[in-house]
Amino acid sequence: TEAERAFQAGIAALLPGTSLPYAPPENG
């Protein structure tokens, strides 16, 4: 939950008004 919150904080700074799903790559 915290990780997704951090990710969305980054997306808000990168692409304001855009929502992207939190999906870490399987191969890290």
ModelCIF file with pLDDT and N, C-alpha, C, O atoms, coordinates in Angstrom:
data_MODEL
#
_entry.id   MODEL 
#
_entity.id                         1 
_entity.type                       polymer 
_entity.pdbx_number_of_molecules   1 
#
_entity_poly.entity_id                      1 
_entity_poly.type                           'polypeptide(L)' 
_entity_poly.nstd_linkage                   no 
_entity_poly.nstd_monomer                   no 
_entity_poly.pdbx_seq_one_letter_code       TEAERAFQAGIAALLPGTSLPYAPPENG 
_entity_poly.pdbx_seq_one_letter_code_can   TEAERAFQAGIAALLPGTSLPYAPPENG 
_entity_poly.pdbx_strand_id                 A 
#
loop_
_entity_poly_seq.entity_id 
_entity_poly_seq.num 
_entity_poly_seq.mon_id 
_entity_poly_seq.hetero 
1 1  THR n 
1 2  GLU n 
1 3  ALA n 
1 4  GLU n 
1 5  ARG n 
1 6  ALA n 
1 7  PHE n 
1 8  GLN n 
1 9  ALA n 
1 10 GLY n 
1 11 ILE n 
1 12 ALA n 
1 13 ALA n 
1 14 LEU n 
1 15 LEU n 
1 16 PRO n 
1 17 GLY n 
1 18 THR n 
1 19 SER n 
1 20 LEU n 
1 21 PRO n 
1 22 TYR n 
1 23 ALA n 
1 24 PRO n 
1 25 PRO n 
1 26 GLU n 
1 27 ASN n 
1 28 GLY n 
#
_struct_asym.id          A 
_struct_asym.entity_id   1 
#
loop_
_ma_qa_metric.id 
_ma_qa_metric.mode 
_ma_qa_metric.name 
_ma_qa_metric.software_group_id 
_ma_qa_metric.type 
1 global pLDDT . pLDDT 
2 local  pLDDT . pLDDT 
#
_ma_qa_metric_global.metric_id      1 
_ma_qa_metric_global.metric_value   89.29 
_ma_qa_metric_global.model_id       1 
_ma_qa_metric_global.ordinal_id     1 
#
loop_
_ma_qa_metric_local.label_asym_id 
_ma_qa_metric_local.label_comp_id 
_ma_qa_metric_local.label_seq_id 
_ma_qa_metric_local.metric_id 
_ma_qa_metric_local.metric_value 
_ma_qa_metric_local.model_id 
_ma_qa_metric_local.ordinal_id 
A THR 1  2 91.00 1 1  
A GLU 2  2 90.00 1 2  
A ALA 3  2 90.00 1 3  
A GLU 4  2 92.00 1 4  
A ARG 5  2 92.00 1 5  
A ALA 6  2 91.00 1 6  
A PHE 7  2 93.00 1 7  
A GLN 8  2 93.00 1 8  
A ALA 9  2 91.00 1 9  
A GLY 10 2 92.00 1 10 
A ILE 11 2 93.00 1 11 
A ALA 12 2 92.00 1 12 
A ALA 13 2 90.00 1 13 
A LEU 14 2 91.00 1 14 
A LEU 15 2 90.00 1 15 
A PRO 16 2 90.00 1 16 
A GLY 17 2 85.00 1 17 
A THR 18 2 85.00 1 18 
A SER 19 2 84.00 1 19 
A LEU 20 2 89.00 1 20 
A PRO 21 2 91.00 1 21 
A TYR 22 2 92.00 1 22 
A ALA 23 2 91.00 1 23 
A PRO 24 2 90.00 1 24 
A PRO 25 2 88.00 1 25 
A GLU 26 2 84.00 1 26 
A ASN 27 2 80.00 1 27 
A GLY 28 2 80.00 1 28 
#
loop_
_atom_site.group_PDB 
_atom_site.id 
_atom_site.type_symbol 
_atom_site.label_atom_id 
_atom_site.label_alt_id 
_atom_site.label_comp_id 
_atom_site.label_asym_id 
_atom_site.label_entity_id 
_atom_site.label_seq_id 
_atom_site.pdbx_PDB_ins_code 
_atom_site.Cartn_x 
_atom_site.Cartn_y 
_atom_site.Cartn_z 
_atom_site.occupancy 
_atom_site.B_iso_or_equiv 
_atom_site.pdbx_formal_charge 
_atom_site.auth_seq_id 
_atom_site.auth_comp_id 
_atom_site.auth_asym_id 
_atom_site.auth_atom_id 
_atom_site.pdbx_PDB_model_num 
ATOM 1   N N  . THR A 1 1  ? 0.830  -1.207  0.000   1.00 91.00 ? 1  THR A N  1 
ATOM 2   C CA . THR A 1 1  ? 0.000  0.000   0.000   1.00 91.00 ? 1  THR A CA 1 
ATOM 3   C C  . THR A 1 1  ? 0.865  1.258   0.000   1.00 91.00 ? 1  THR A C  1 
ATOM 4   O O  . THR A 1 1  ? 0.604  2.206   -0.741  1.00 91.00 ? 1  THR A O  1 
ATOM 5   N N  . GLU A 1 2  ? 1.908  1.250   0.850   1.00 90.00 ? 2  GLU A N  1 
ATOM 6   C CA . GLU A 1 2  ? 2.827  2.387   0.890   1.00 90.00 ? 2  GLU A CA 1 
ATOM 7   C C  . GLU A 1 2  ? 3.584  2.519   -0.429  1.00 90.00 ? 2  GLU A C  1 
ATOM 8   O O  . GLU A 1 2  ? 3.818  3.626   -0.915  1.00 90.00 ? 2  GLU A O  1 
ATOM 9   N N  . ALA A 1 3  ? 3.961  1.385   -0.996  1.00 90.00 ? 3  ALA A N  1 
ATOM 10  C CA . ALA A 1 3  ? 4.687  1.408   -2.273  1.00 90.00 ? 3  ALA A CA 1 
ATOM 11  C C  . ALA A 1 3  ? 3.822  2.025   -3.366  1.00 90.00 ? 3  ALA A C  1 
ATOM 12  O O  . ALA A 1 3  ? 4.299  2.832   -4.165  1.00 90.00 ? 3  ALA A O  1 
ATOM 13  N N  . GLU A 1 4  ? 2.539  1.638   -3.398  1.00 92.00 ? 4  GLU A N  1 
ATOM 14  C CA . GLU A 1 4  ? 1.652  2.199   -4.416  1.00 92.00 ? 4  GLU A CA 1 
ATOM 15  C C  . GLU A 1 4  ? 1.434  3.693   -4.197  1.00 92.00 ? 4  GLU A C  1 
ATOM 16  O O  . GLU A 1 4  ? 1.315  4.456   -5.155  1.00 92.00 ? 4  GLU A O  1 
ATOM 17  N N  . ARG A 1 5  ? 1.384  4.106   -2.931  1.00 92.00 ? 5  ARG A N  1 
ATOM 18  C CA . ARG A 1 5  ? 1.227  5.519   -2.633  1.00 92.00 ? 5  ARG A CA 1 
ATOM 19  C C  . ARG A 1 5  ? 2.460  6.307   -3.123  1.00 92.00 ? 5  ARG A C  1 
ATOM 20  O O  . ARG A 1 5  ? 2.329  7.393   -3.688  1.00 92.00 ? 5  ARG A O  1 
ATOM 21  N N  . ALA A 1 6  ? 3.651  5.743   -2.896  1.00 91.00 ? 6  ALA A N  1 
ATOM 22  C CA . ALA A 1 6  ? 4.883  6.397   -3.365  1.00 91.00 ? 6  ALA A CA 1 
ATOM 23  C C  . ALA A 1 6  ? 4.906  6.463   -4.892  1.00 91.00 ? 6  ALA A C  1 
ATOM 24  O O  . ALA A 1 6  ? 5.284  7.482   -5.470  1.00 91.00 ? 6  ALA A O  1 
ATOM 25  N N  . PHE A 1 7  ? 4.502  5.374   -5.536  1.00 93.00 ? 7  PHE A N  1 
ATOM 26  C CA . PHE A 1 7  ? 4.474  5.341   -7.003  1.00 93.00 ? 7  PHE A CA 1 
ATOM 27  C C  . PHE A 1 7  ? 3.536  6.413   -7.558  1.00 93.00 ? 7  PHE A C  1 
ATOM 28  O O  . PHE A 1 7  ? 3.890  7.124   -8.499  1.00 93.00 ? 7  PHE A O  1 
ATOM 29  N N  . GLN A 1 8  ? 2.356  6.526   -6.983  1.00 93.00 ? 8  GLN A N  1 
ATOM 30  C CA . GLN A 1 8  ? 1.393  7.511   -7.480  1.00 93.00 ? 8  GLN A CA 1 
ATOM 31  C C  . GLN A 1 8  ? 1.876  8.939   -7.236  1.00 93.00 ? 8  GLN A C  1 
ATOM 32  O O  . GLN A 1 8  ? 1.562  9.847   -8.006  1.00 93.00 ? 8  GLN A O  1 
ATOM 33  N N  . ALA A 1 9  ? 2.647  9.134   -6.148  1.00 91.00 ? 9  ALA A N  1 
ATOM 34  C CA . ALA A 1 9  ? 3.234  10.463  -5.919  1.00 91.00 ? 9  ALA A CA 1 
ATOM 35  C C  . ALA A 1 9  ? 4.200  10.810  -7.047  1.00 91.00 ? 9  ALA A C  1 
ATOM 36  O O  . ALA A 1 9  ? 4.254  11.953  -7.500  1.00 91.00 ? 9  ALA A O  1 
ATOM 37  N N  . GLY A 1 10 ? 4.964  9.810   -7.496  1.00 92.00 ? 10 GLY A N  1 
ATOM 38  C CA . GLY A 1 10 ? 5.872  10.044  -8.618  1.00 92.00 ? 10 GLY A CA 1 
ATOM 39  C C  . GLY A 1 10 ? 5.136  10.307  -9.912  1.00 92.00 ? 10 GLY A C  1 
ATOM 40  O O  . GLY A 1 10 ? 5.514  11.202  -10.668 1.00 92.00 ? 10 GLY A O  1 
ATOM 41  N N  . ILE A 1 11 ? 4.081  9.535   -10.181 1.00 93.00 ? 11 ILE A N  1 
ATOM 42  C CA . ILE A 1 11 ? 3.303  9.728   -11.413 1.00 93.00 ? 11 ILE A CA 1 
ATOM 43  C C  . ILE A 1 11 ? 2.660  11.108  -11.429 1.00 93.00 ? 11 ILE A C  1 
ATOM 44  O O  . ILE A 1 11 ? 2.582  11.749  -12.477 1.00 93.00 ? 11 ILE A O  1 
ATOM 45  N N  . ALA A 1 12 ? 2.194  11.570  -10.255 1.00 92.00 ? 12 ALA A N  1 
ATOM 46  C CA . ALA A 1 12 ? 1.579  12.896  -10.175 1.00 92.00 ? 12 ALA A CA 1 
ATOM 47  C C  . ALA A 1 12 ? 2.581  13.987  -10.536 1.00 92.00 ? 12 ALA A C  1 
ATOM 48  O O  . ALA A 1 12 ? 2.213  14.989  -11.148 1.00 92.00 ? 12 ALA A O  1 
ATOM 49  N N  . ALA A 1 13 ? 3.862  13.795  -10.154 1.00 90.00 ? 13 ALA A N  1 
ATOM 50  C CA . ALA A 1 13 ? 4.898  14.772  -10.505 1.00 90.00 ? 13 ALA A CA 1 
ATOM 51  C C  . ALA A 1 13 ? 5.304  14.653  -11.966 1.00 90.00 ? 13 ALA A C  1 
ATOM 52  O O  . ALA A 1 13 ? 5.658  15.644  -12.604 1.00 90.00 ? 13 ALA A O  1 
ATOM 53  N N  . LEU A 1 14 ? 5.250  13.426  -12.493 1.00 91.00 ? 14 LEU A N  1 
ATOM 54  C CA . LEU A 1 14 ? 5.701  13.192  -13.863 1.00 91.00 ? 14 LEU A CA 1 
ATOM 55  C C  . LEU A 1 14 ? 4.629  13.521  -14.890 1.00 91.00 ? 14 LEU A C  1 
ATOM 56  O O  . LEU A 1 14 ? 4.881  14.223  -15.870 1.00 91.00 ? 14 LEU A O  1 
ATOM 57  N N  . LEU A 1 15 ? 3.435  13.005  -14.651 1.00 90.00 ? 15 LEU A N  1 
ATOM 58  C CA . LEU A 1 15 ? 2.336  13.175  -15.598 1.00 90.00 ? 15 LEU A CA 1 
ATOM 59  C C  . LEU A 1 15 ? 1.097  13.639  -14.832 1.00 90.00 ? 15 LEU A C  1 
ATOM 60  O O  . LEU A 1 15 ? 0.209  12.832  -14.560 1.00 90.00 ? 15 LEU A O  1 
ATOM 61  N N  . PRO A 1 16 ? 1.022  14.905  -14.486 1.00 90.00 ? 16 PRO A N  1 
ATOM 62  C CA . PRO A 1 16 ? -0.121 15.400  -13.700 1.00 90.00 ? 16 PRO A CA 1 
ATOM 63  C C  . PRO A 1 16 ? -1.452 15.069  -14.380 1.00 90.00 ? 16 PRO A C  1 
ATOM 64  O O  . PRO A 1 16 ? -1.615 15.230  -15.590 1.00 90.00 ? 16 PRO A O  1 
ATOM 65  N N  . GLY A 1 17 ? -2.393 14.602  -13.562 1.00 85.00 ? 17 GLY A N  1 
ATOM 66  C CA . GLY A 1 17 ? -3.707 14.278  -14.089 1.00 85.00 ? 17 GLY A CA 1 
ATOM 67  C C  . GLY A 1 17 ? -3.798 12.916  -14.733 1.00 85.00 ? 17 GLY A C  1 
ATOM 68  O O  . GLY A 1 17 ? -4.850 12.542  -15.250 1.00 85.00 ? 17 GLY A O  1 
ATOM 69  N N  . THR A 1 18 ? -2.691 12.156  -14.708 1.00 85.00 ? 18 THR A N  1 
ATOM 70  C CA . THR A 1 18 ? -2.674 10.828  -15.323 1.00 85.00 ? 18 THR A CA 1 
ATOM 71  C C  . THR A 1 18 ? -2.643 9.761   -14.235 1.00 85.00 ? 18 THR A C  1 
ATOM 72  O O  . THR A 1 18 ? -1.986 9.936   -13.209 1.00 85.00 ? 18 THR A O  1 
ATOM 73  N N  . SER A 1 19 ? -3.342 8.674   -14.452 1.00 84.00 ? 19 SER A N  1 
ATOM 74  C CA . SER A 1 19 ? -3.339 7.555   -13.514 1.00 84.00 ? 19 SER A CA 1 
ATOM 75  C C  . SER A 1 19 ? -2.782 6.321   -14.215 1.00 84.00 ? 19 SER A C  1 
ATOM 76  O O  . SER A 1 19 ? -3.320 5.879   -15.230 1.00 84.00 ? 19 SER A O  1 
ATOM 77  N N  . LEU A 1 20 ? -1.711 5.775   -13.672 1.00 89.00 ? 20 LEU A N  1 
ATOM 78  C CA . LEU A 1 20 ? -1.110 4.563   -14.213 1.00 89.00 ? 20 LEU A CA 1 
ATOM 79  C C  . LEU A 1 20 ? -1.124 3.489   -13.142 1.00 89.00 ? 20 LEU A C  1 
ATOM 80  O O  . LEU A 1 20 ? -0.967 3.806   -11.964 1.00 89.00 ? 20 LEU A O  1 
ATOM 81  N N  . PRO A 1 21 ? -1.309 2.219   -13.512 1.00 91.00 ? 21 PRO A N  1 
ATOM 82  C CA . PRO A 1 21 ? -1.338 1.147   -12.511 1.00 91.00 ? 21 PRO A CA 1 
ATOM 83  C C  . PRO A 1 21 ? 0.058  0.881   -11.956 1.00 91.00 ? 21 PRO A C  1 
ATOM 84  O O  . PRO A 1 21 ? 1.055  0.969   -12.672 1.00 91.00 ? 21 PRO A O  1 
ATOM 85  N N  . TYR A 1 22 ? 0.108  0.558   -10.682 1.00 92.00 ? 22 TYR A N  1 
ATOM 86  C CA . TYR A 1 22 ? 1.369  0.196   -10.037 1.00 92.00 ? 22 TYR A CA 1 
ATOM 87  C C  . TYR A 1 22 ? 1.674  -1.263  -10.371 1.00 92.00 ? 22 TYR A C  1 
ATOM 88  O O  . TYR A 1 22 ? 1.025  -2.172  -9.855  1.00 92.00 ? 22 TYR A O  1 
ATOM 89  N N  . ALA A 1 23 ? 2.667  -1.481  -11.239 1.00 91.00 ? 23 ALA A N  1 
ATOM 90  C CA . ALA A 1 23 ? 2.987  -2.834  -11.706 1.00 91.00 ? 23 ALA A CA 1 
ATOM 91  C C  . ALA A 1 23 ? 4.500  -2.988  -11.830 1.00 91.00 ? 23 ALA A C  1 
ATOM 92  O O  . ALA A 1 23 ? 5.051  -2.812  -12.916 1.00 91.00 ? 23 ALA A O  1 
ATOM 93  N N  . PRO A 1 24 ? 5.182  -3.316  -10.718 1.00 90.00 ? 24 PRO A N  1 
ATOM 94  C CA . PRO A 1 24 ? 6.638  -3.500  -10.779 1.00 90.00 ? 24 PRO A CA 1 
ATOM 95  C C  . PRO A 1 24 ? 7.007  -4.619  -11.745 1.00 90.00 ? 24 PRO A C  1 
ATOM 96  O O  . PRO A 1 24 ? 6.345  -5.657  -11.750 1.00 90.00 ? 24 PRO A O  1 
ATOM 97  N N  . PRO A 1 25 ? 8.044  -4.443  -12.564 1.00 88.00 ? 25 PRO A N  1 
ATOM 98  C CA . PRO A 1 25 ? 8.460  -5.489  -13.511 1.00 88.00 ? 25 PRO A CA 1 
ATOM 99  C C  . PRO A 1 25 ? 8.850  -6.773  -12.784 1.00 88.00 ? 25 PRO A C  1 
ATOM 100 O O  . PRO A 1 25 ? 9.426  -6.738  -11.697 1.00 88.00 ? 25 PRO A O  1 
ATOM 101 N N  . GLU A 1 26 ? 8.520  -7.913  -13.410 1.00 84.00 ? 26 GLU A N  1 
ATOM 102 C CA . GLU A 1 26 ? 8.813  -9.196  -12.776 1.00 84.00 ? 26 GLU A CA 1 
ATOM 103 C C  . GLU A 1 26 ? 10.308 -9.457  -12.649 1.00 84.00 ? 26 GLU A C  1 
ATOM 104 O O  . GLU A 1 26 ? 10.744 -10.098 -11.692 1.00 84.00 ? 26 GLU A O  1 
ATOM 105 N N  . ASN A 1 27 ? 11.092 -8.972  -13.595 1.00 80.00 ? 27 ASN A N  1 
ATOM 106 C CA . ASN A 1 27 ? 12.536 -9.217  -13.528 1.00 80.00 ? 27 ASN A CA 1 
ATOM 107 C C  . ASN A 1 27 ? 13.284 -8.139  -12.768 1.00 80.00 ? 27 ASN A C  1 
ATOM 108 O O  . ASN A 1 27 ? 14.505 -8.041  -12.894 1.00 80.00 ? 27 ASN A O  1 
ATOM 109 N N  . GLY A 1 28 ? 12.596 -7.333  -11.990 1.00 80.00 ? 28 GLY A N  1 
ATOM 110 C CA . GLY A 1 28 ? 13.233 -6.381  -11.087 1.00 80.00 ? 28 GLY A CA 1 
ATOM 111 C C  . GLY A 1 28 ? 14.071 -5.341  -11.795 1.00 80.00 ? 28 GLY A C  1 
ATOM 112 O O  . GLY A 1 28 ? 14.662 -4.478  -11.146 1.00 80.00 ? 28 GLY A O  1 
#
